[in-house]
Amino acid sequence: MIQARVIGKVWSSRRVESLPRGALLEVETEGGAKMIAFDPLGCDAGEAVLVTQGSVAAGYFAGRAVPVDALIIGSIDEDK
């Protein structure tokens, strides 16, 4: 798992049919790396999240082959 922070949404007017409905979010890791992750949770900009990648991310969509390589699997609660 990778700890990251949501830095924005990615808007796409066209996408492949096998990509499920949901948000594509740009996240940044603590090391400064950026990636696009599929978000089934409804996370917002500035939120700390946990991301998984590869076959584990694609495996979330049981019984379907989806083109997802990064998946937000949790929202990290932070003291405010």
N, C-alpha and C. Protein backbone atom coordinates (compact mmCIF):
# COMPACT_ATOMS: atom_id res chain seq x y z
N MET A 1 0.84 -1.18 0.00
CA MET A 1 0.00 0.00 0.00
C MET A 1 0.88 1.24 0.00
N ILE A 2 0.33 2.27 -0.58
CA ILE A 2 1.04 3.55 -0.68
C ILE A 2 0.20 4.62 -0.01
N GLN A 3 0.83 5.42 0.83
CA GLN A 3 0.13 6.56 1.43
C GLN A 3 0.28 7.74 0.49
N ALA A 4 -0.84 8.42 0.21
CA ALA A 4 -0.81 9.55 -0.72
C ALA A 4 -1.86 10.57 -0.30
N ARG A 5 -1.86 11.69 -1.01
CA ARG A 5 -2.85 12.74 -0.77
C ARG A 5 -3.49 13.11 -2.11
N VAL A 6 -4.80 13.25 -2.10
CA VAL A 6 -5.53 13.62 -3.31
C VAL A 6 -5.22 15.08 -3.63
N ILE A 7 -4.76 15.33 -4.87
CA ILE A 7 -4.45 16.71 -5.25
C ILE A 7 -5.37 17.24 -6.34
N GLY A 8 -6.25 16.39 -6.86
CA GLY A 8 -7.20 16.89 -7.86
C GLY A 8 -7.92 15.77 -8.58
N LYS A 9 -8.92 16.17 -9.35
CA LYS A 9 -9.69 15.23 -10.15
C LYS A 9 -9.19 15.27 -11.59
N VAL A 10 -9.32 14.15 -12.27
CA VAL A 10 -8.98 14.07 -13.68
C VAL A 10 -10.29 13.90 -14.44
N TRP A 11 -10.55 14.82 -15.35
CA TRP A 11 -11.79 14.78 -16.13
C TRP A 11 -11.52 14.16 -17.48
N SER A 12 -12.42 13.28 -17.89
CA SER A 12 -12.27 12.61 -19.17
C SER A 12 -13.63 12.54 -19.85
N SER A 13 -13.71 13.08 -21.05
CA SER A 13 -14.99 13.05 -21.76
C SER A 13 -15.19 11.72 -22.49
N ARG A 14 -14.11 10.97 -22.67
CA ARG A 14 -14.19 9.64 -23.31
C ARG A 14 -13.36 8.67 -22.50
N ARG A 15 -13.85 7.44 -22.40
CA ARG A 15 -13.11 6.39 -21.71
C ARG A 15 -13.52 5.04 -22.26
N VAL A 16 -12.69 4.02 -22.06
CA VAL A 16 -13.02 2.69 -22.53
C VAL A 16 -14.21 2.15 -21.75
N GLU A 17 -15.02 1.34 -22.43
CA GLU A 17 -16.25 0.85 -21.82
C GLU A 17 -16.02 -0.04 -20.61
N SER A 18 -14.89 -0.73 -20.55
CA SER A 18 -14.65 -1.63 -19.43
C SER A 18 -14.26 -0.91 -18.13
N LEU A 19 -13.99 0.40 -18.21
CA LEU A 19 -13.67 1.17 -17.00
C LEU A 19 -14.98 1.48 -16.28
N PRO A 20 -15.11 1.05 -15.03
CA PRO A 20 -16.37 1.26 -14.30
C PRO A 20 -16.62 2.75 -14.03
N ARG A 21 -17.84 3.05 -13.69
CA ARG A 21 -18.17 4.42 -13.29
C ARG A 21 -17.47 4.72 -11.98
N GLY A 22 -16.94 5.90 -11.87
CA GLY A 22 -16.23 6.31 -10.67
C GLY A 22 -15.28 7.43 -11.02
N ALA A 23 -14.66 7.99 -10.01
CA ALA A 23 -13.77 9.13 -10.21
C ALA A 23 -12.34 8.68 -10.47
N LEU A 24 -11.66 9.44 -11.29
CA LEU A 24 -10.22 9.30 -11.47
C LEU A 24 -9.58 10.48 -10.75
N LEU A 25 -8.74 10.19 -9.77
CA LEU A 25 -8.13 11.25 -8.97
C LEU A 25 -6.62 11.25 -9.13
N GLU A 26 -6.05 12.44 -9.13
CA GLU A 26 -4.60 12.56 -9.12
C GLU A 26 -4.17 12.58 -7.66
N VAL A 27 -3.22 11.72 -7.33
CA VAL A 27 -2.71 11.66 -5.96
C VAL A 27 -1.21 11.86 -5.99
N GLU A 28 -0.68 12.34 -4.87
CA GLU A 28 0.75 12.56 -4.73
C GLU A 28 1.25 11.83 -3.49
N THR A 29 2.30 11.05 -3.64
CA THR A 29 2.87 10.33 -2.51
C THR A 29 3.72 11.26 -1.67
N GLU A 30 4.11 10.78 -0.50
CA GLU A 30 4.98 11.58 0.38
C GLU A 30 6.32 11.88 -0.27
N GLY A 31 6.74 11.02 -1.19
CA GLY A 31 8.00 11.23 -1.90
C GLY A 31 7.88 12.17 -3.09
N GLY A 32 6.66 12.64 -3.38
CA GLY A 32 6.45 13.59 -4.47
C GLY A 32 6.02 12.96 -5.78
N ALA A 33 5.94 11.64 -5.84
CA ALA A 33 5.48 10.98 -7.08
C ALA A 33 3.98 11.19 -7.25
N LYS A 34 3.56 11.40 -8.48
CA LYS A 34 2.14 11.59 -8.78
C LYS A 34 1.63 10.43 -9.61
N MET A 35 0.37 10.07 -9.41
CA MET A 35 -0.26 9.02 -10.20
C MET A 35 -1.76 9.28 -10.25
N ILE A 36 -2.41 8.60 -11.17
CA ILE A 36 -3.87 8.64 -11.29
C ILE A 36 -4.40 7.36 -10.67
N ALA A 37 -5.37 7.49 -9.78
CA ALA A 37 -5.94 6.33 -9.10
C ALA A 37 -7.45 6.34 -9.25
N PHE A 38 -8.03 5.16 -9.41
CA PHE A 38 -9.48 5.03 -9.47
C PHE A 38 -10.02 5.11 -8.04
N ASP A 39 -11.11 5.87 -7.87
CA ASP A 39 -11.66 6.12 -6.54
C ASP A 39 -13.10 5.62 -6.42
N PRO A 40 -13.32 4.48 -5.77
CA PRO A 40 -14.69 4.01 -5.54
C PRO A 40 -15.29 4.56 -4.25
N LEU A 41 -14.53 5.35 -3.49
CA LEU A 41 -14.96 5.79 -2.16
C LEU A 41 -15.56 7.20 -2.12
N GLY A 42 -15.29 8.03 -3.10
CA GLY A 42 -15.78 9.41 -3.07
C GLY A 42 -14.88 10.35 -2.30
N CYS A 43 -13.57 10.22 -2.44
CA CYS A 43 -12.61 11.05 -1.72
C CYS A 43 -12.55 12.46 -2.33
N ASP A 44 -12.08 13.41 -1.53
CA ASP A 44 -11.99 14.80 -1.94
C ASP A 44 -10.55 15.28 -1.96
N ALA A 45 -10.33 16.41 -2.64
CA ALA A 45 -9.00 17.03 -2.70
C ALA A 45 -8.51 17.31 -1.29
N GLY A 46 -7.24 17.05 -1.05
CA GLY A 46 -6.63 17.28 0.24
C GLY A 46 -6.70 16.09 1.18
N GLU A 47 -7.49 15.09 0.83
CA GLU A 47 -7.68 13.93 1.70
C GLU A 47 -6.50 12.97 1.61
N ALA A 48 -6.08 12.45 2.76
CA ALA A 48 -5.03 11.43 2.81
C ALA A 48 -5.67 10.08 2.52
N VAL A 49 -5.03 9.29 1.65
CA VAL A 49 -5.60 8.02 1.21
C VAL A 49 -4.56 6.92 1.17
N LEU A 50 -5.05 5.68 1.10
CA LEU A 50 -4.20 4.51 0.87
C LEU A 50 -4.48 4.01 -0.55
N VAL A 51 -3.42 3.74 -1.28
CA VAL A 51 -3.53 3.31 -2.67
C VAL A 51 -2.85 1.95 -2.82
N THR A 52 -3.47 1.07 -3.59
CA THR A 52 -2.83 -0.19 -3.96
C THR A 52 -2.68 -0.20 -5.48
N GLN A 53 -1.72 -0.95 -5.97
CA GLN A 53 -1.44 -0.96 -7.41
C GLN A 53 -1.37 -2.38 -7.96
N GLY A 54 -1.41 -2.46 -9.27
CA GLY A 54 -1.20 -3.73 -9.98
C GLY A 54 -2.37 -4.67 -9.91
N SER A 55 -2.06 -5.97 -9.83
CA SER A 55 -3.10 -7.00 -9.87
C SER A 55 -4.05 -6.91 -8.69
N VAL A 56 -3.58 -6.42 -7.57
CA VAL A 56 -4.46 -6.25 -6.40
C VAL A 56 -5.52 -5.20 -6.70
N ALA A 57 -5.14 -4.11 -7.35
CA ALA A 57 -6.09 -3.06 -7.71
C ALA A 57 -7.11 -3.59 -8.71
N ALA A 58 -6.67 -4.28 -9.74
CA ALA A 58 -7.57 -4.82 -10.75
C ALA A 58 -8.46 -5.91 -10.17
N GLY A 59 -7.95 -6.66 -9.19
CA GLY A 59 -8.69 -7.75 -8.57
C GLY A 59 -9.90 -7.30 -7.77
N TYR A 60 -9.97 -6.02 -7.42
CA TYR A 60 -11.11 -5.48 -6.69
C TYR A 60 -12.41 -5.67 -7.48
N PHE A 61 -12.30 -5.66 -8.80
CA PHE A 61 -13.46 -5.77 -9.68
C PHE A 61 -13.66 -7.23 -10.06
N ALA A 62 -14.11 -8.03 -9.13
CA ALA A 62 -14.24 -9.48 -9.30
C ALA A 62 -15.07 -9.83 -10.53
N GLY A 63 -14.53 -10.78 -11.31
CA GLY A 63 -15.24 -11.27 -12.46
C GLY A 63 -15.20 -10.38 -13.68
N ARG A 64 -14.48 -9.27 -13.60
CA ARG A 64 -14.39 -8.34 -14.74
C ARG A 64 -12.94 -7.96 -14.97
N ALA A 65 -12.57 -7.84 -16.22
CA ALA A 65 -11.24 -7.34 -16.56
C ALA A 65 -11.36 -5.84 -16.75
N VAL A 66 -10.69 -5.08 -15.89
CA VAL A 66 -10.76 -3.62 -15.97
C VAL A 66 -9.35 -3.03 -16.10
N PRO A 67 -9.23 -1.90 -16.80
CA PRO A 67 -7.92 -1.28 -16.98
C PRO A 67 -7.56 -0.35 -15.82
N VAL A 68 -7.53 -0.89 -14.61
CA VAL A 68 -7.20 -0.10 -13.42
C VAL A 68 -5.88 -0.61 -12.85
N ASP A 69 -4.91 0.28 -12.70
CA ASP A 69 -3.61 -0.10 -12.17
C ASP A 69 -3.38 0.48 -10.78
N ALA A 70 -4.17 1.49 -10.39
CA ALA A 70 -4.05 2.09 -9.06
C ALA A 70 -5.45 2.32 -8.52
N LEU A 71 -5.68 1.91 -7.26
CA LEU A 71 -7.00 1.95 -6.66
C LEU A 71 -6.91 2.51 -5.26
N ILE A 72 -7.75 3.50 -4.97
CA ILE A 72 -7.83 4.03 -3.60
C ILE A 72 -8.65 3.04 -2.79
N ILE A 73 -8.04 2.49 -1.73
CA ILE A 73 -8.70 1.47 -0.93
C ILE A 73 -9.07 1.95 0.47
N GLY A 74 -8.64 3.14 0.84
CA GLY A 74 -8.97 3.65 2.16
C GLY A 74 -8.71 5.13 2.28
N SER A 75 -9.46 5.75 3.17
CA SER A 75 -9.28 7.15 3.52
C SER A 75 -8.68 7.20 4.91
N ILE A 76 -7.60 7.93 5.08
CA ILE A 76 -6.89 7.98 6.35
C ILE A 76 -7.49 9.07 7.23
N ASP A 77 -7.94 8.69 8.41
CA ASP A 77 -8.49 9.67 9.35
C ASP A 77 -7.33 10.47 9.94
N GLU A 78 -7.47 11.80 9.94
CA GLU A 78 -6.42 12.67 10.47
C GLU A 78 -7.01 13.53 11.57
N ASP A 79 -6.21 13.75 12.62
CA ASP A 79 -6.64 14.66 13.69
C ASP A 79 -6.63 16.08 13.16
N LYS A 80 -7.65 16.81 13.54
CA LYS A 80 -7.74 18.19 13.06
C LYS A 80 -7.70 19.16 14.20
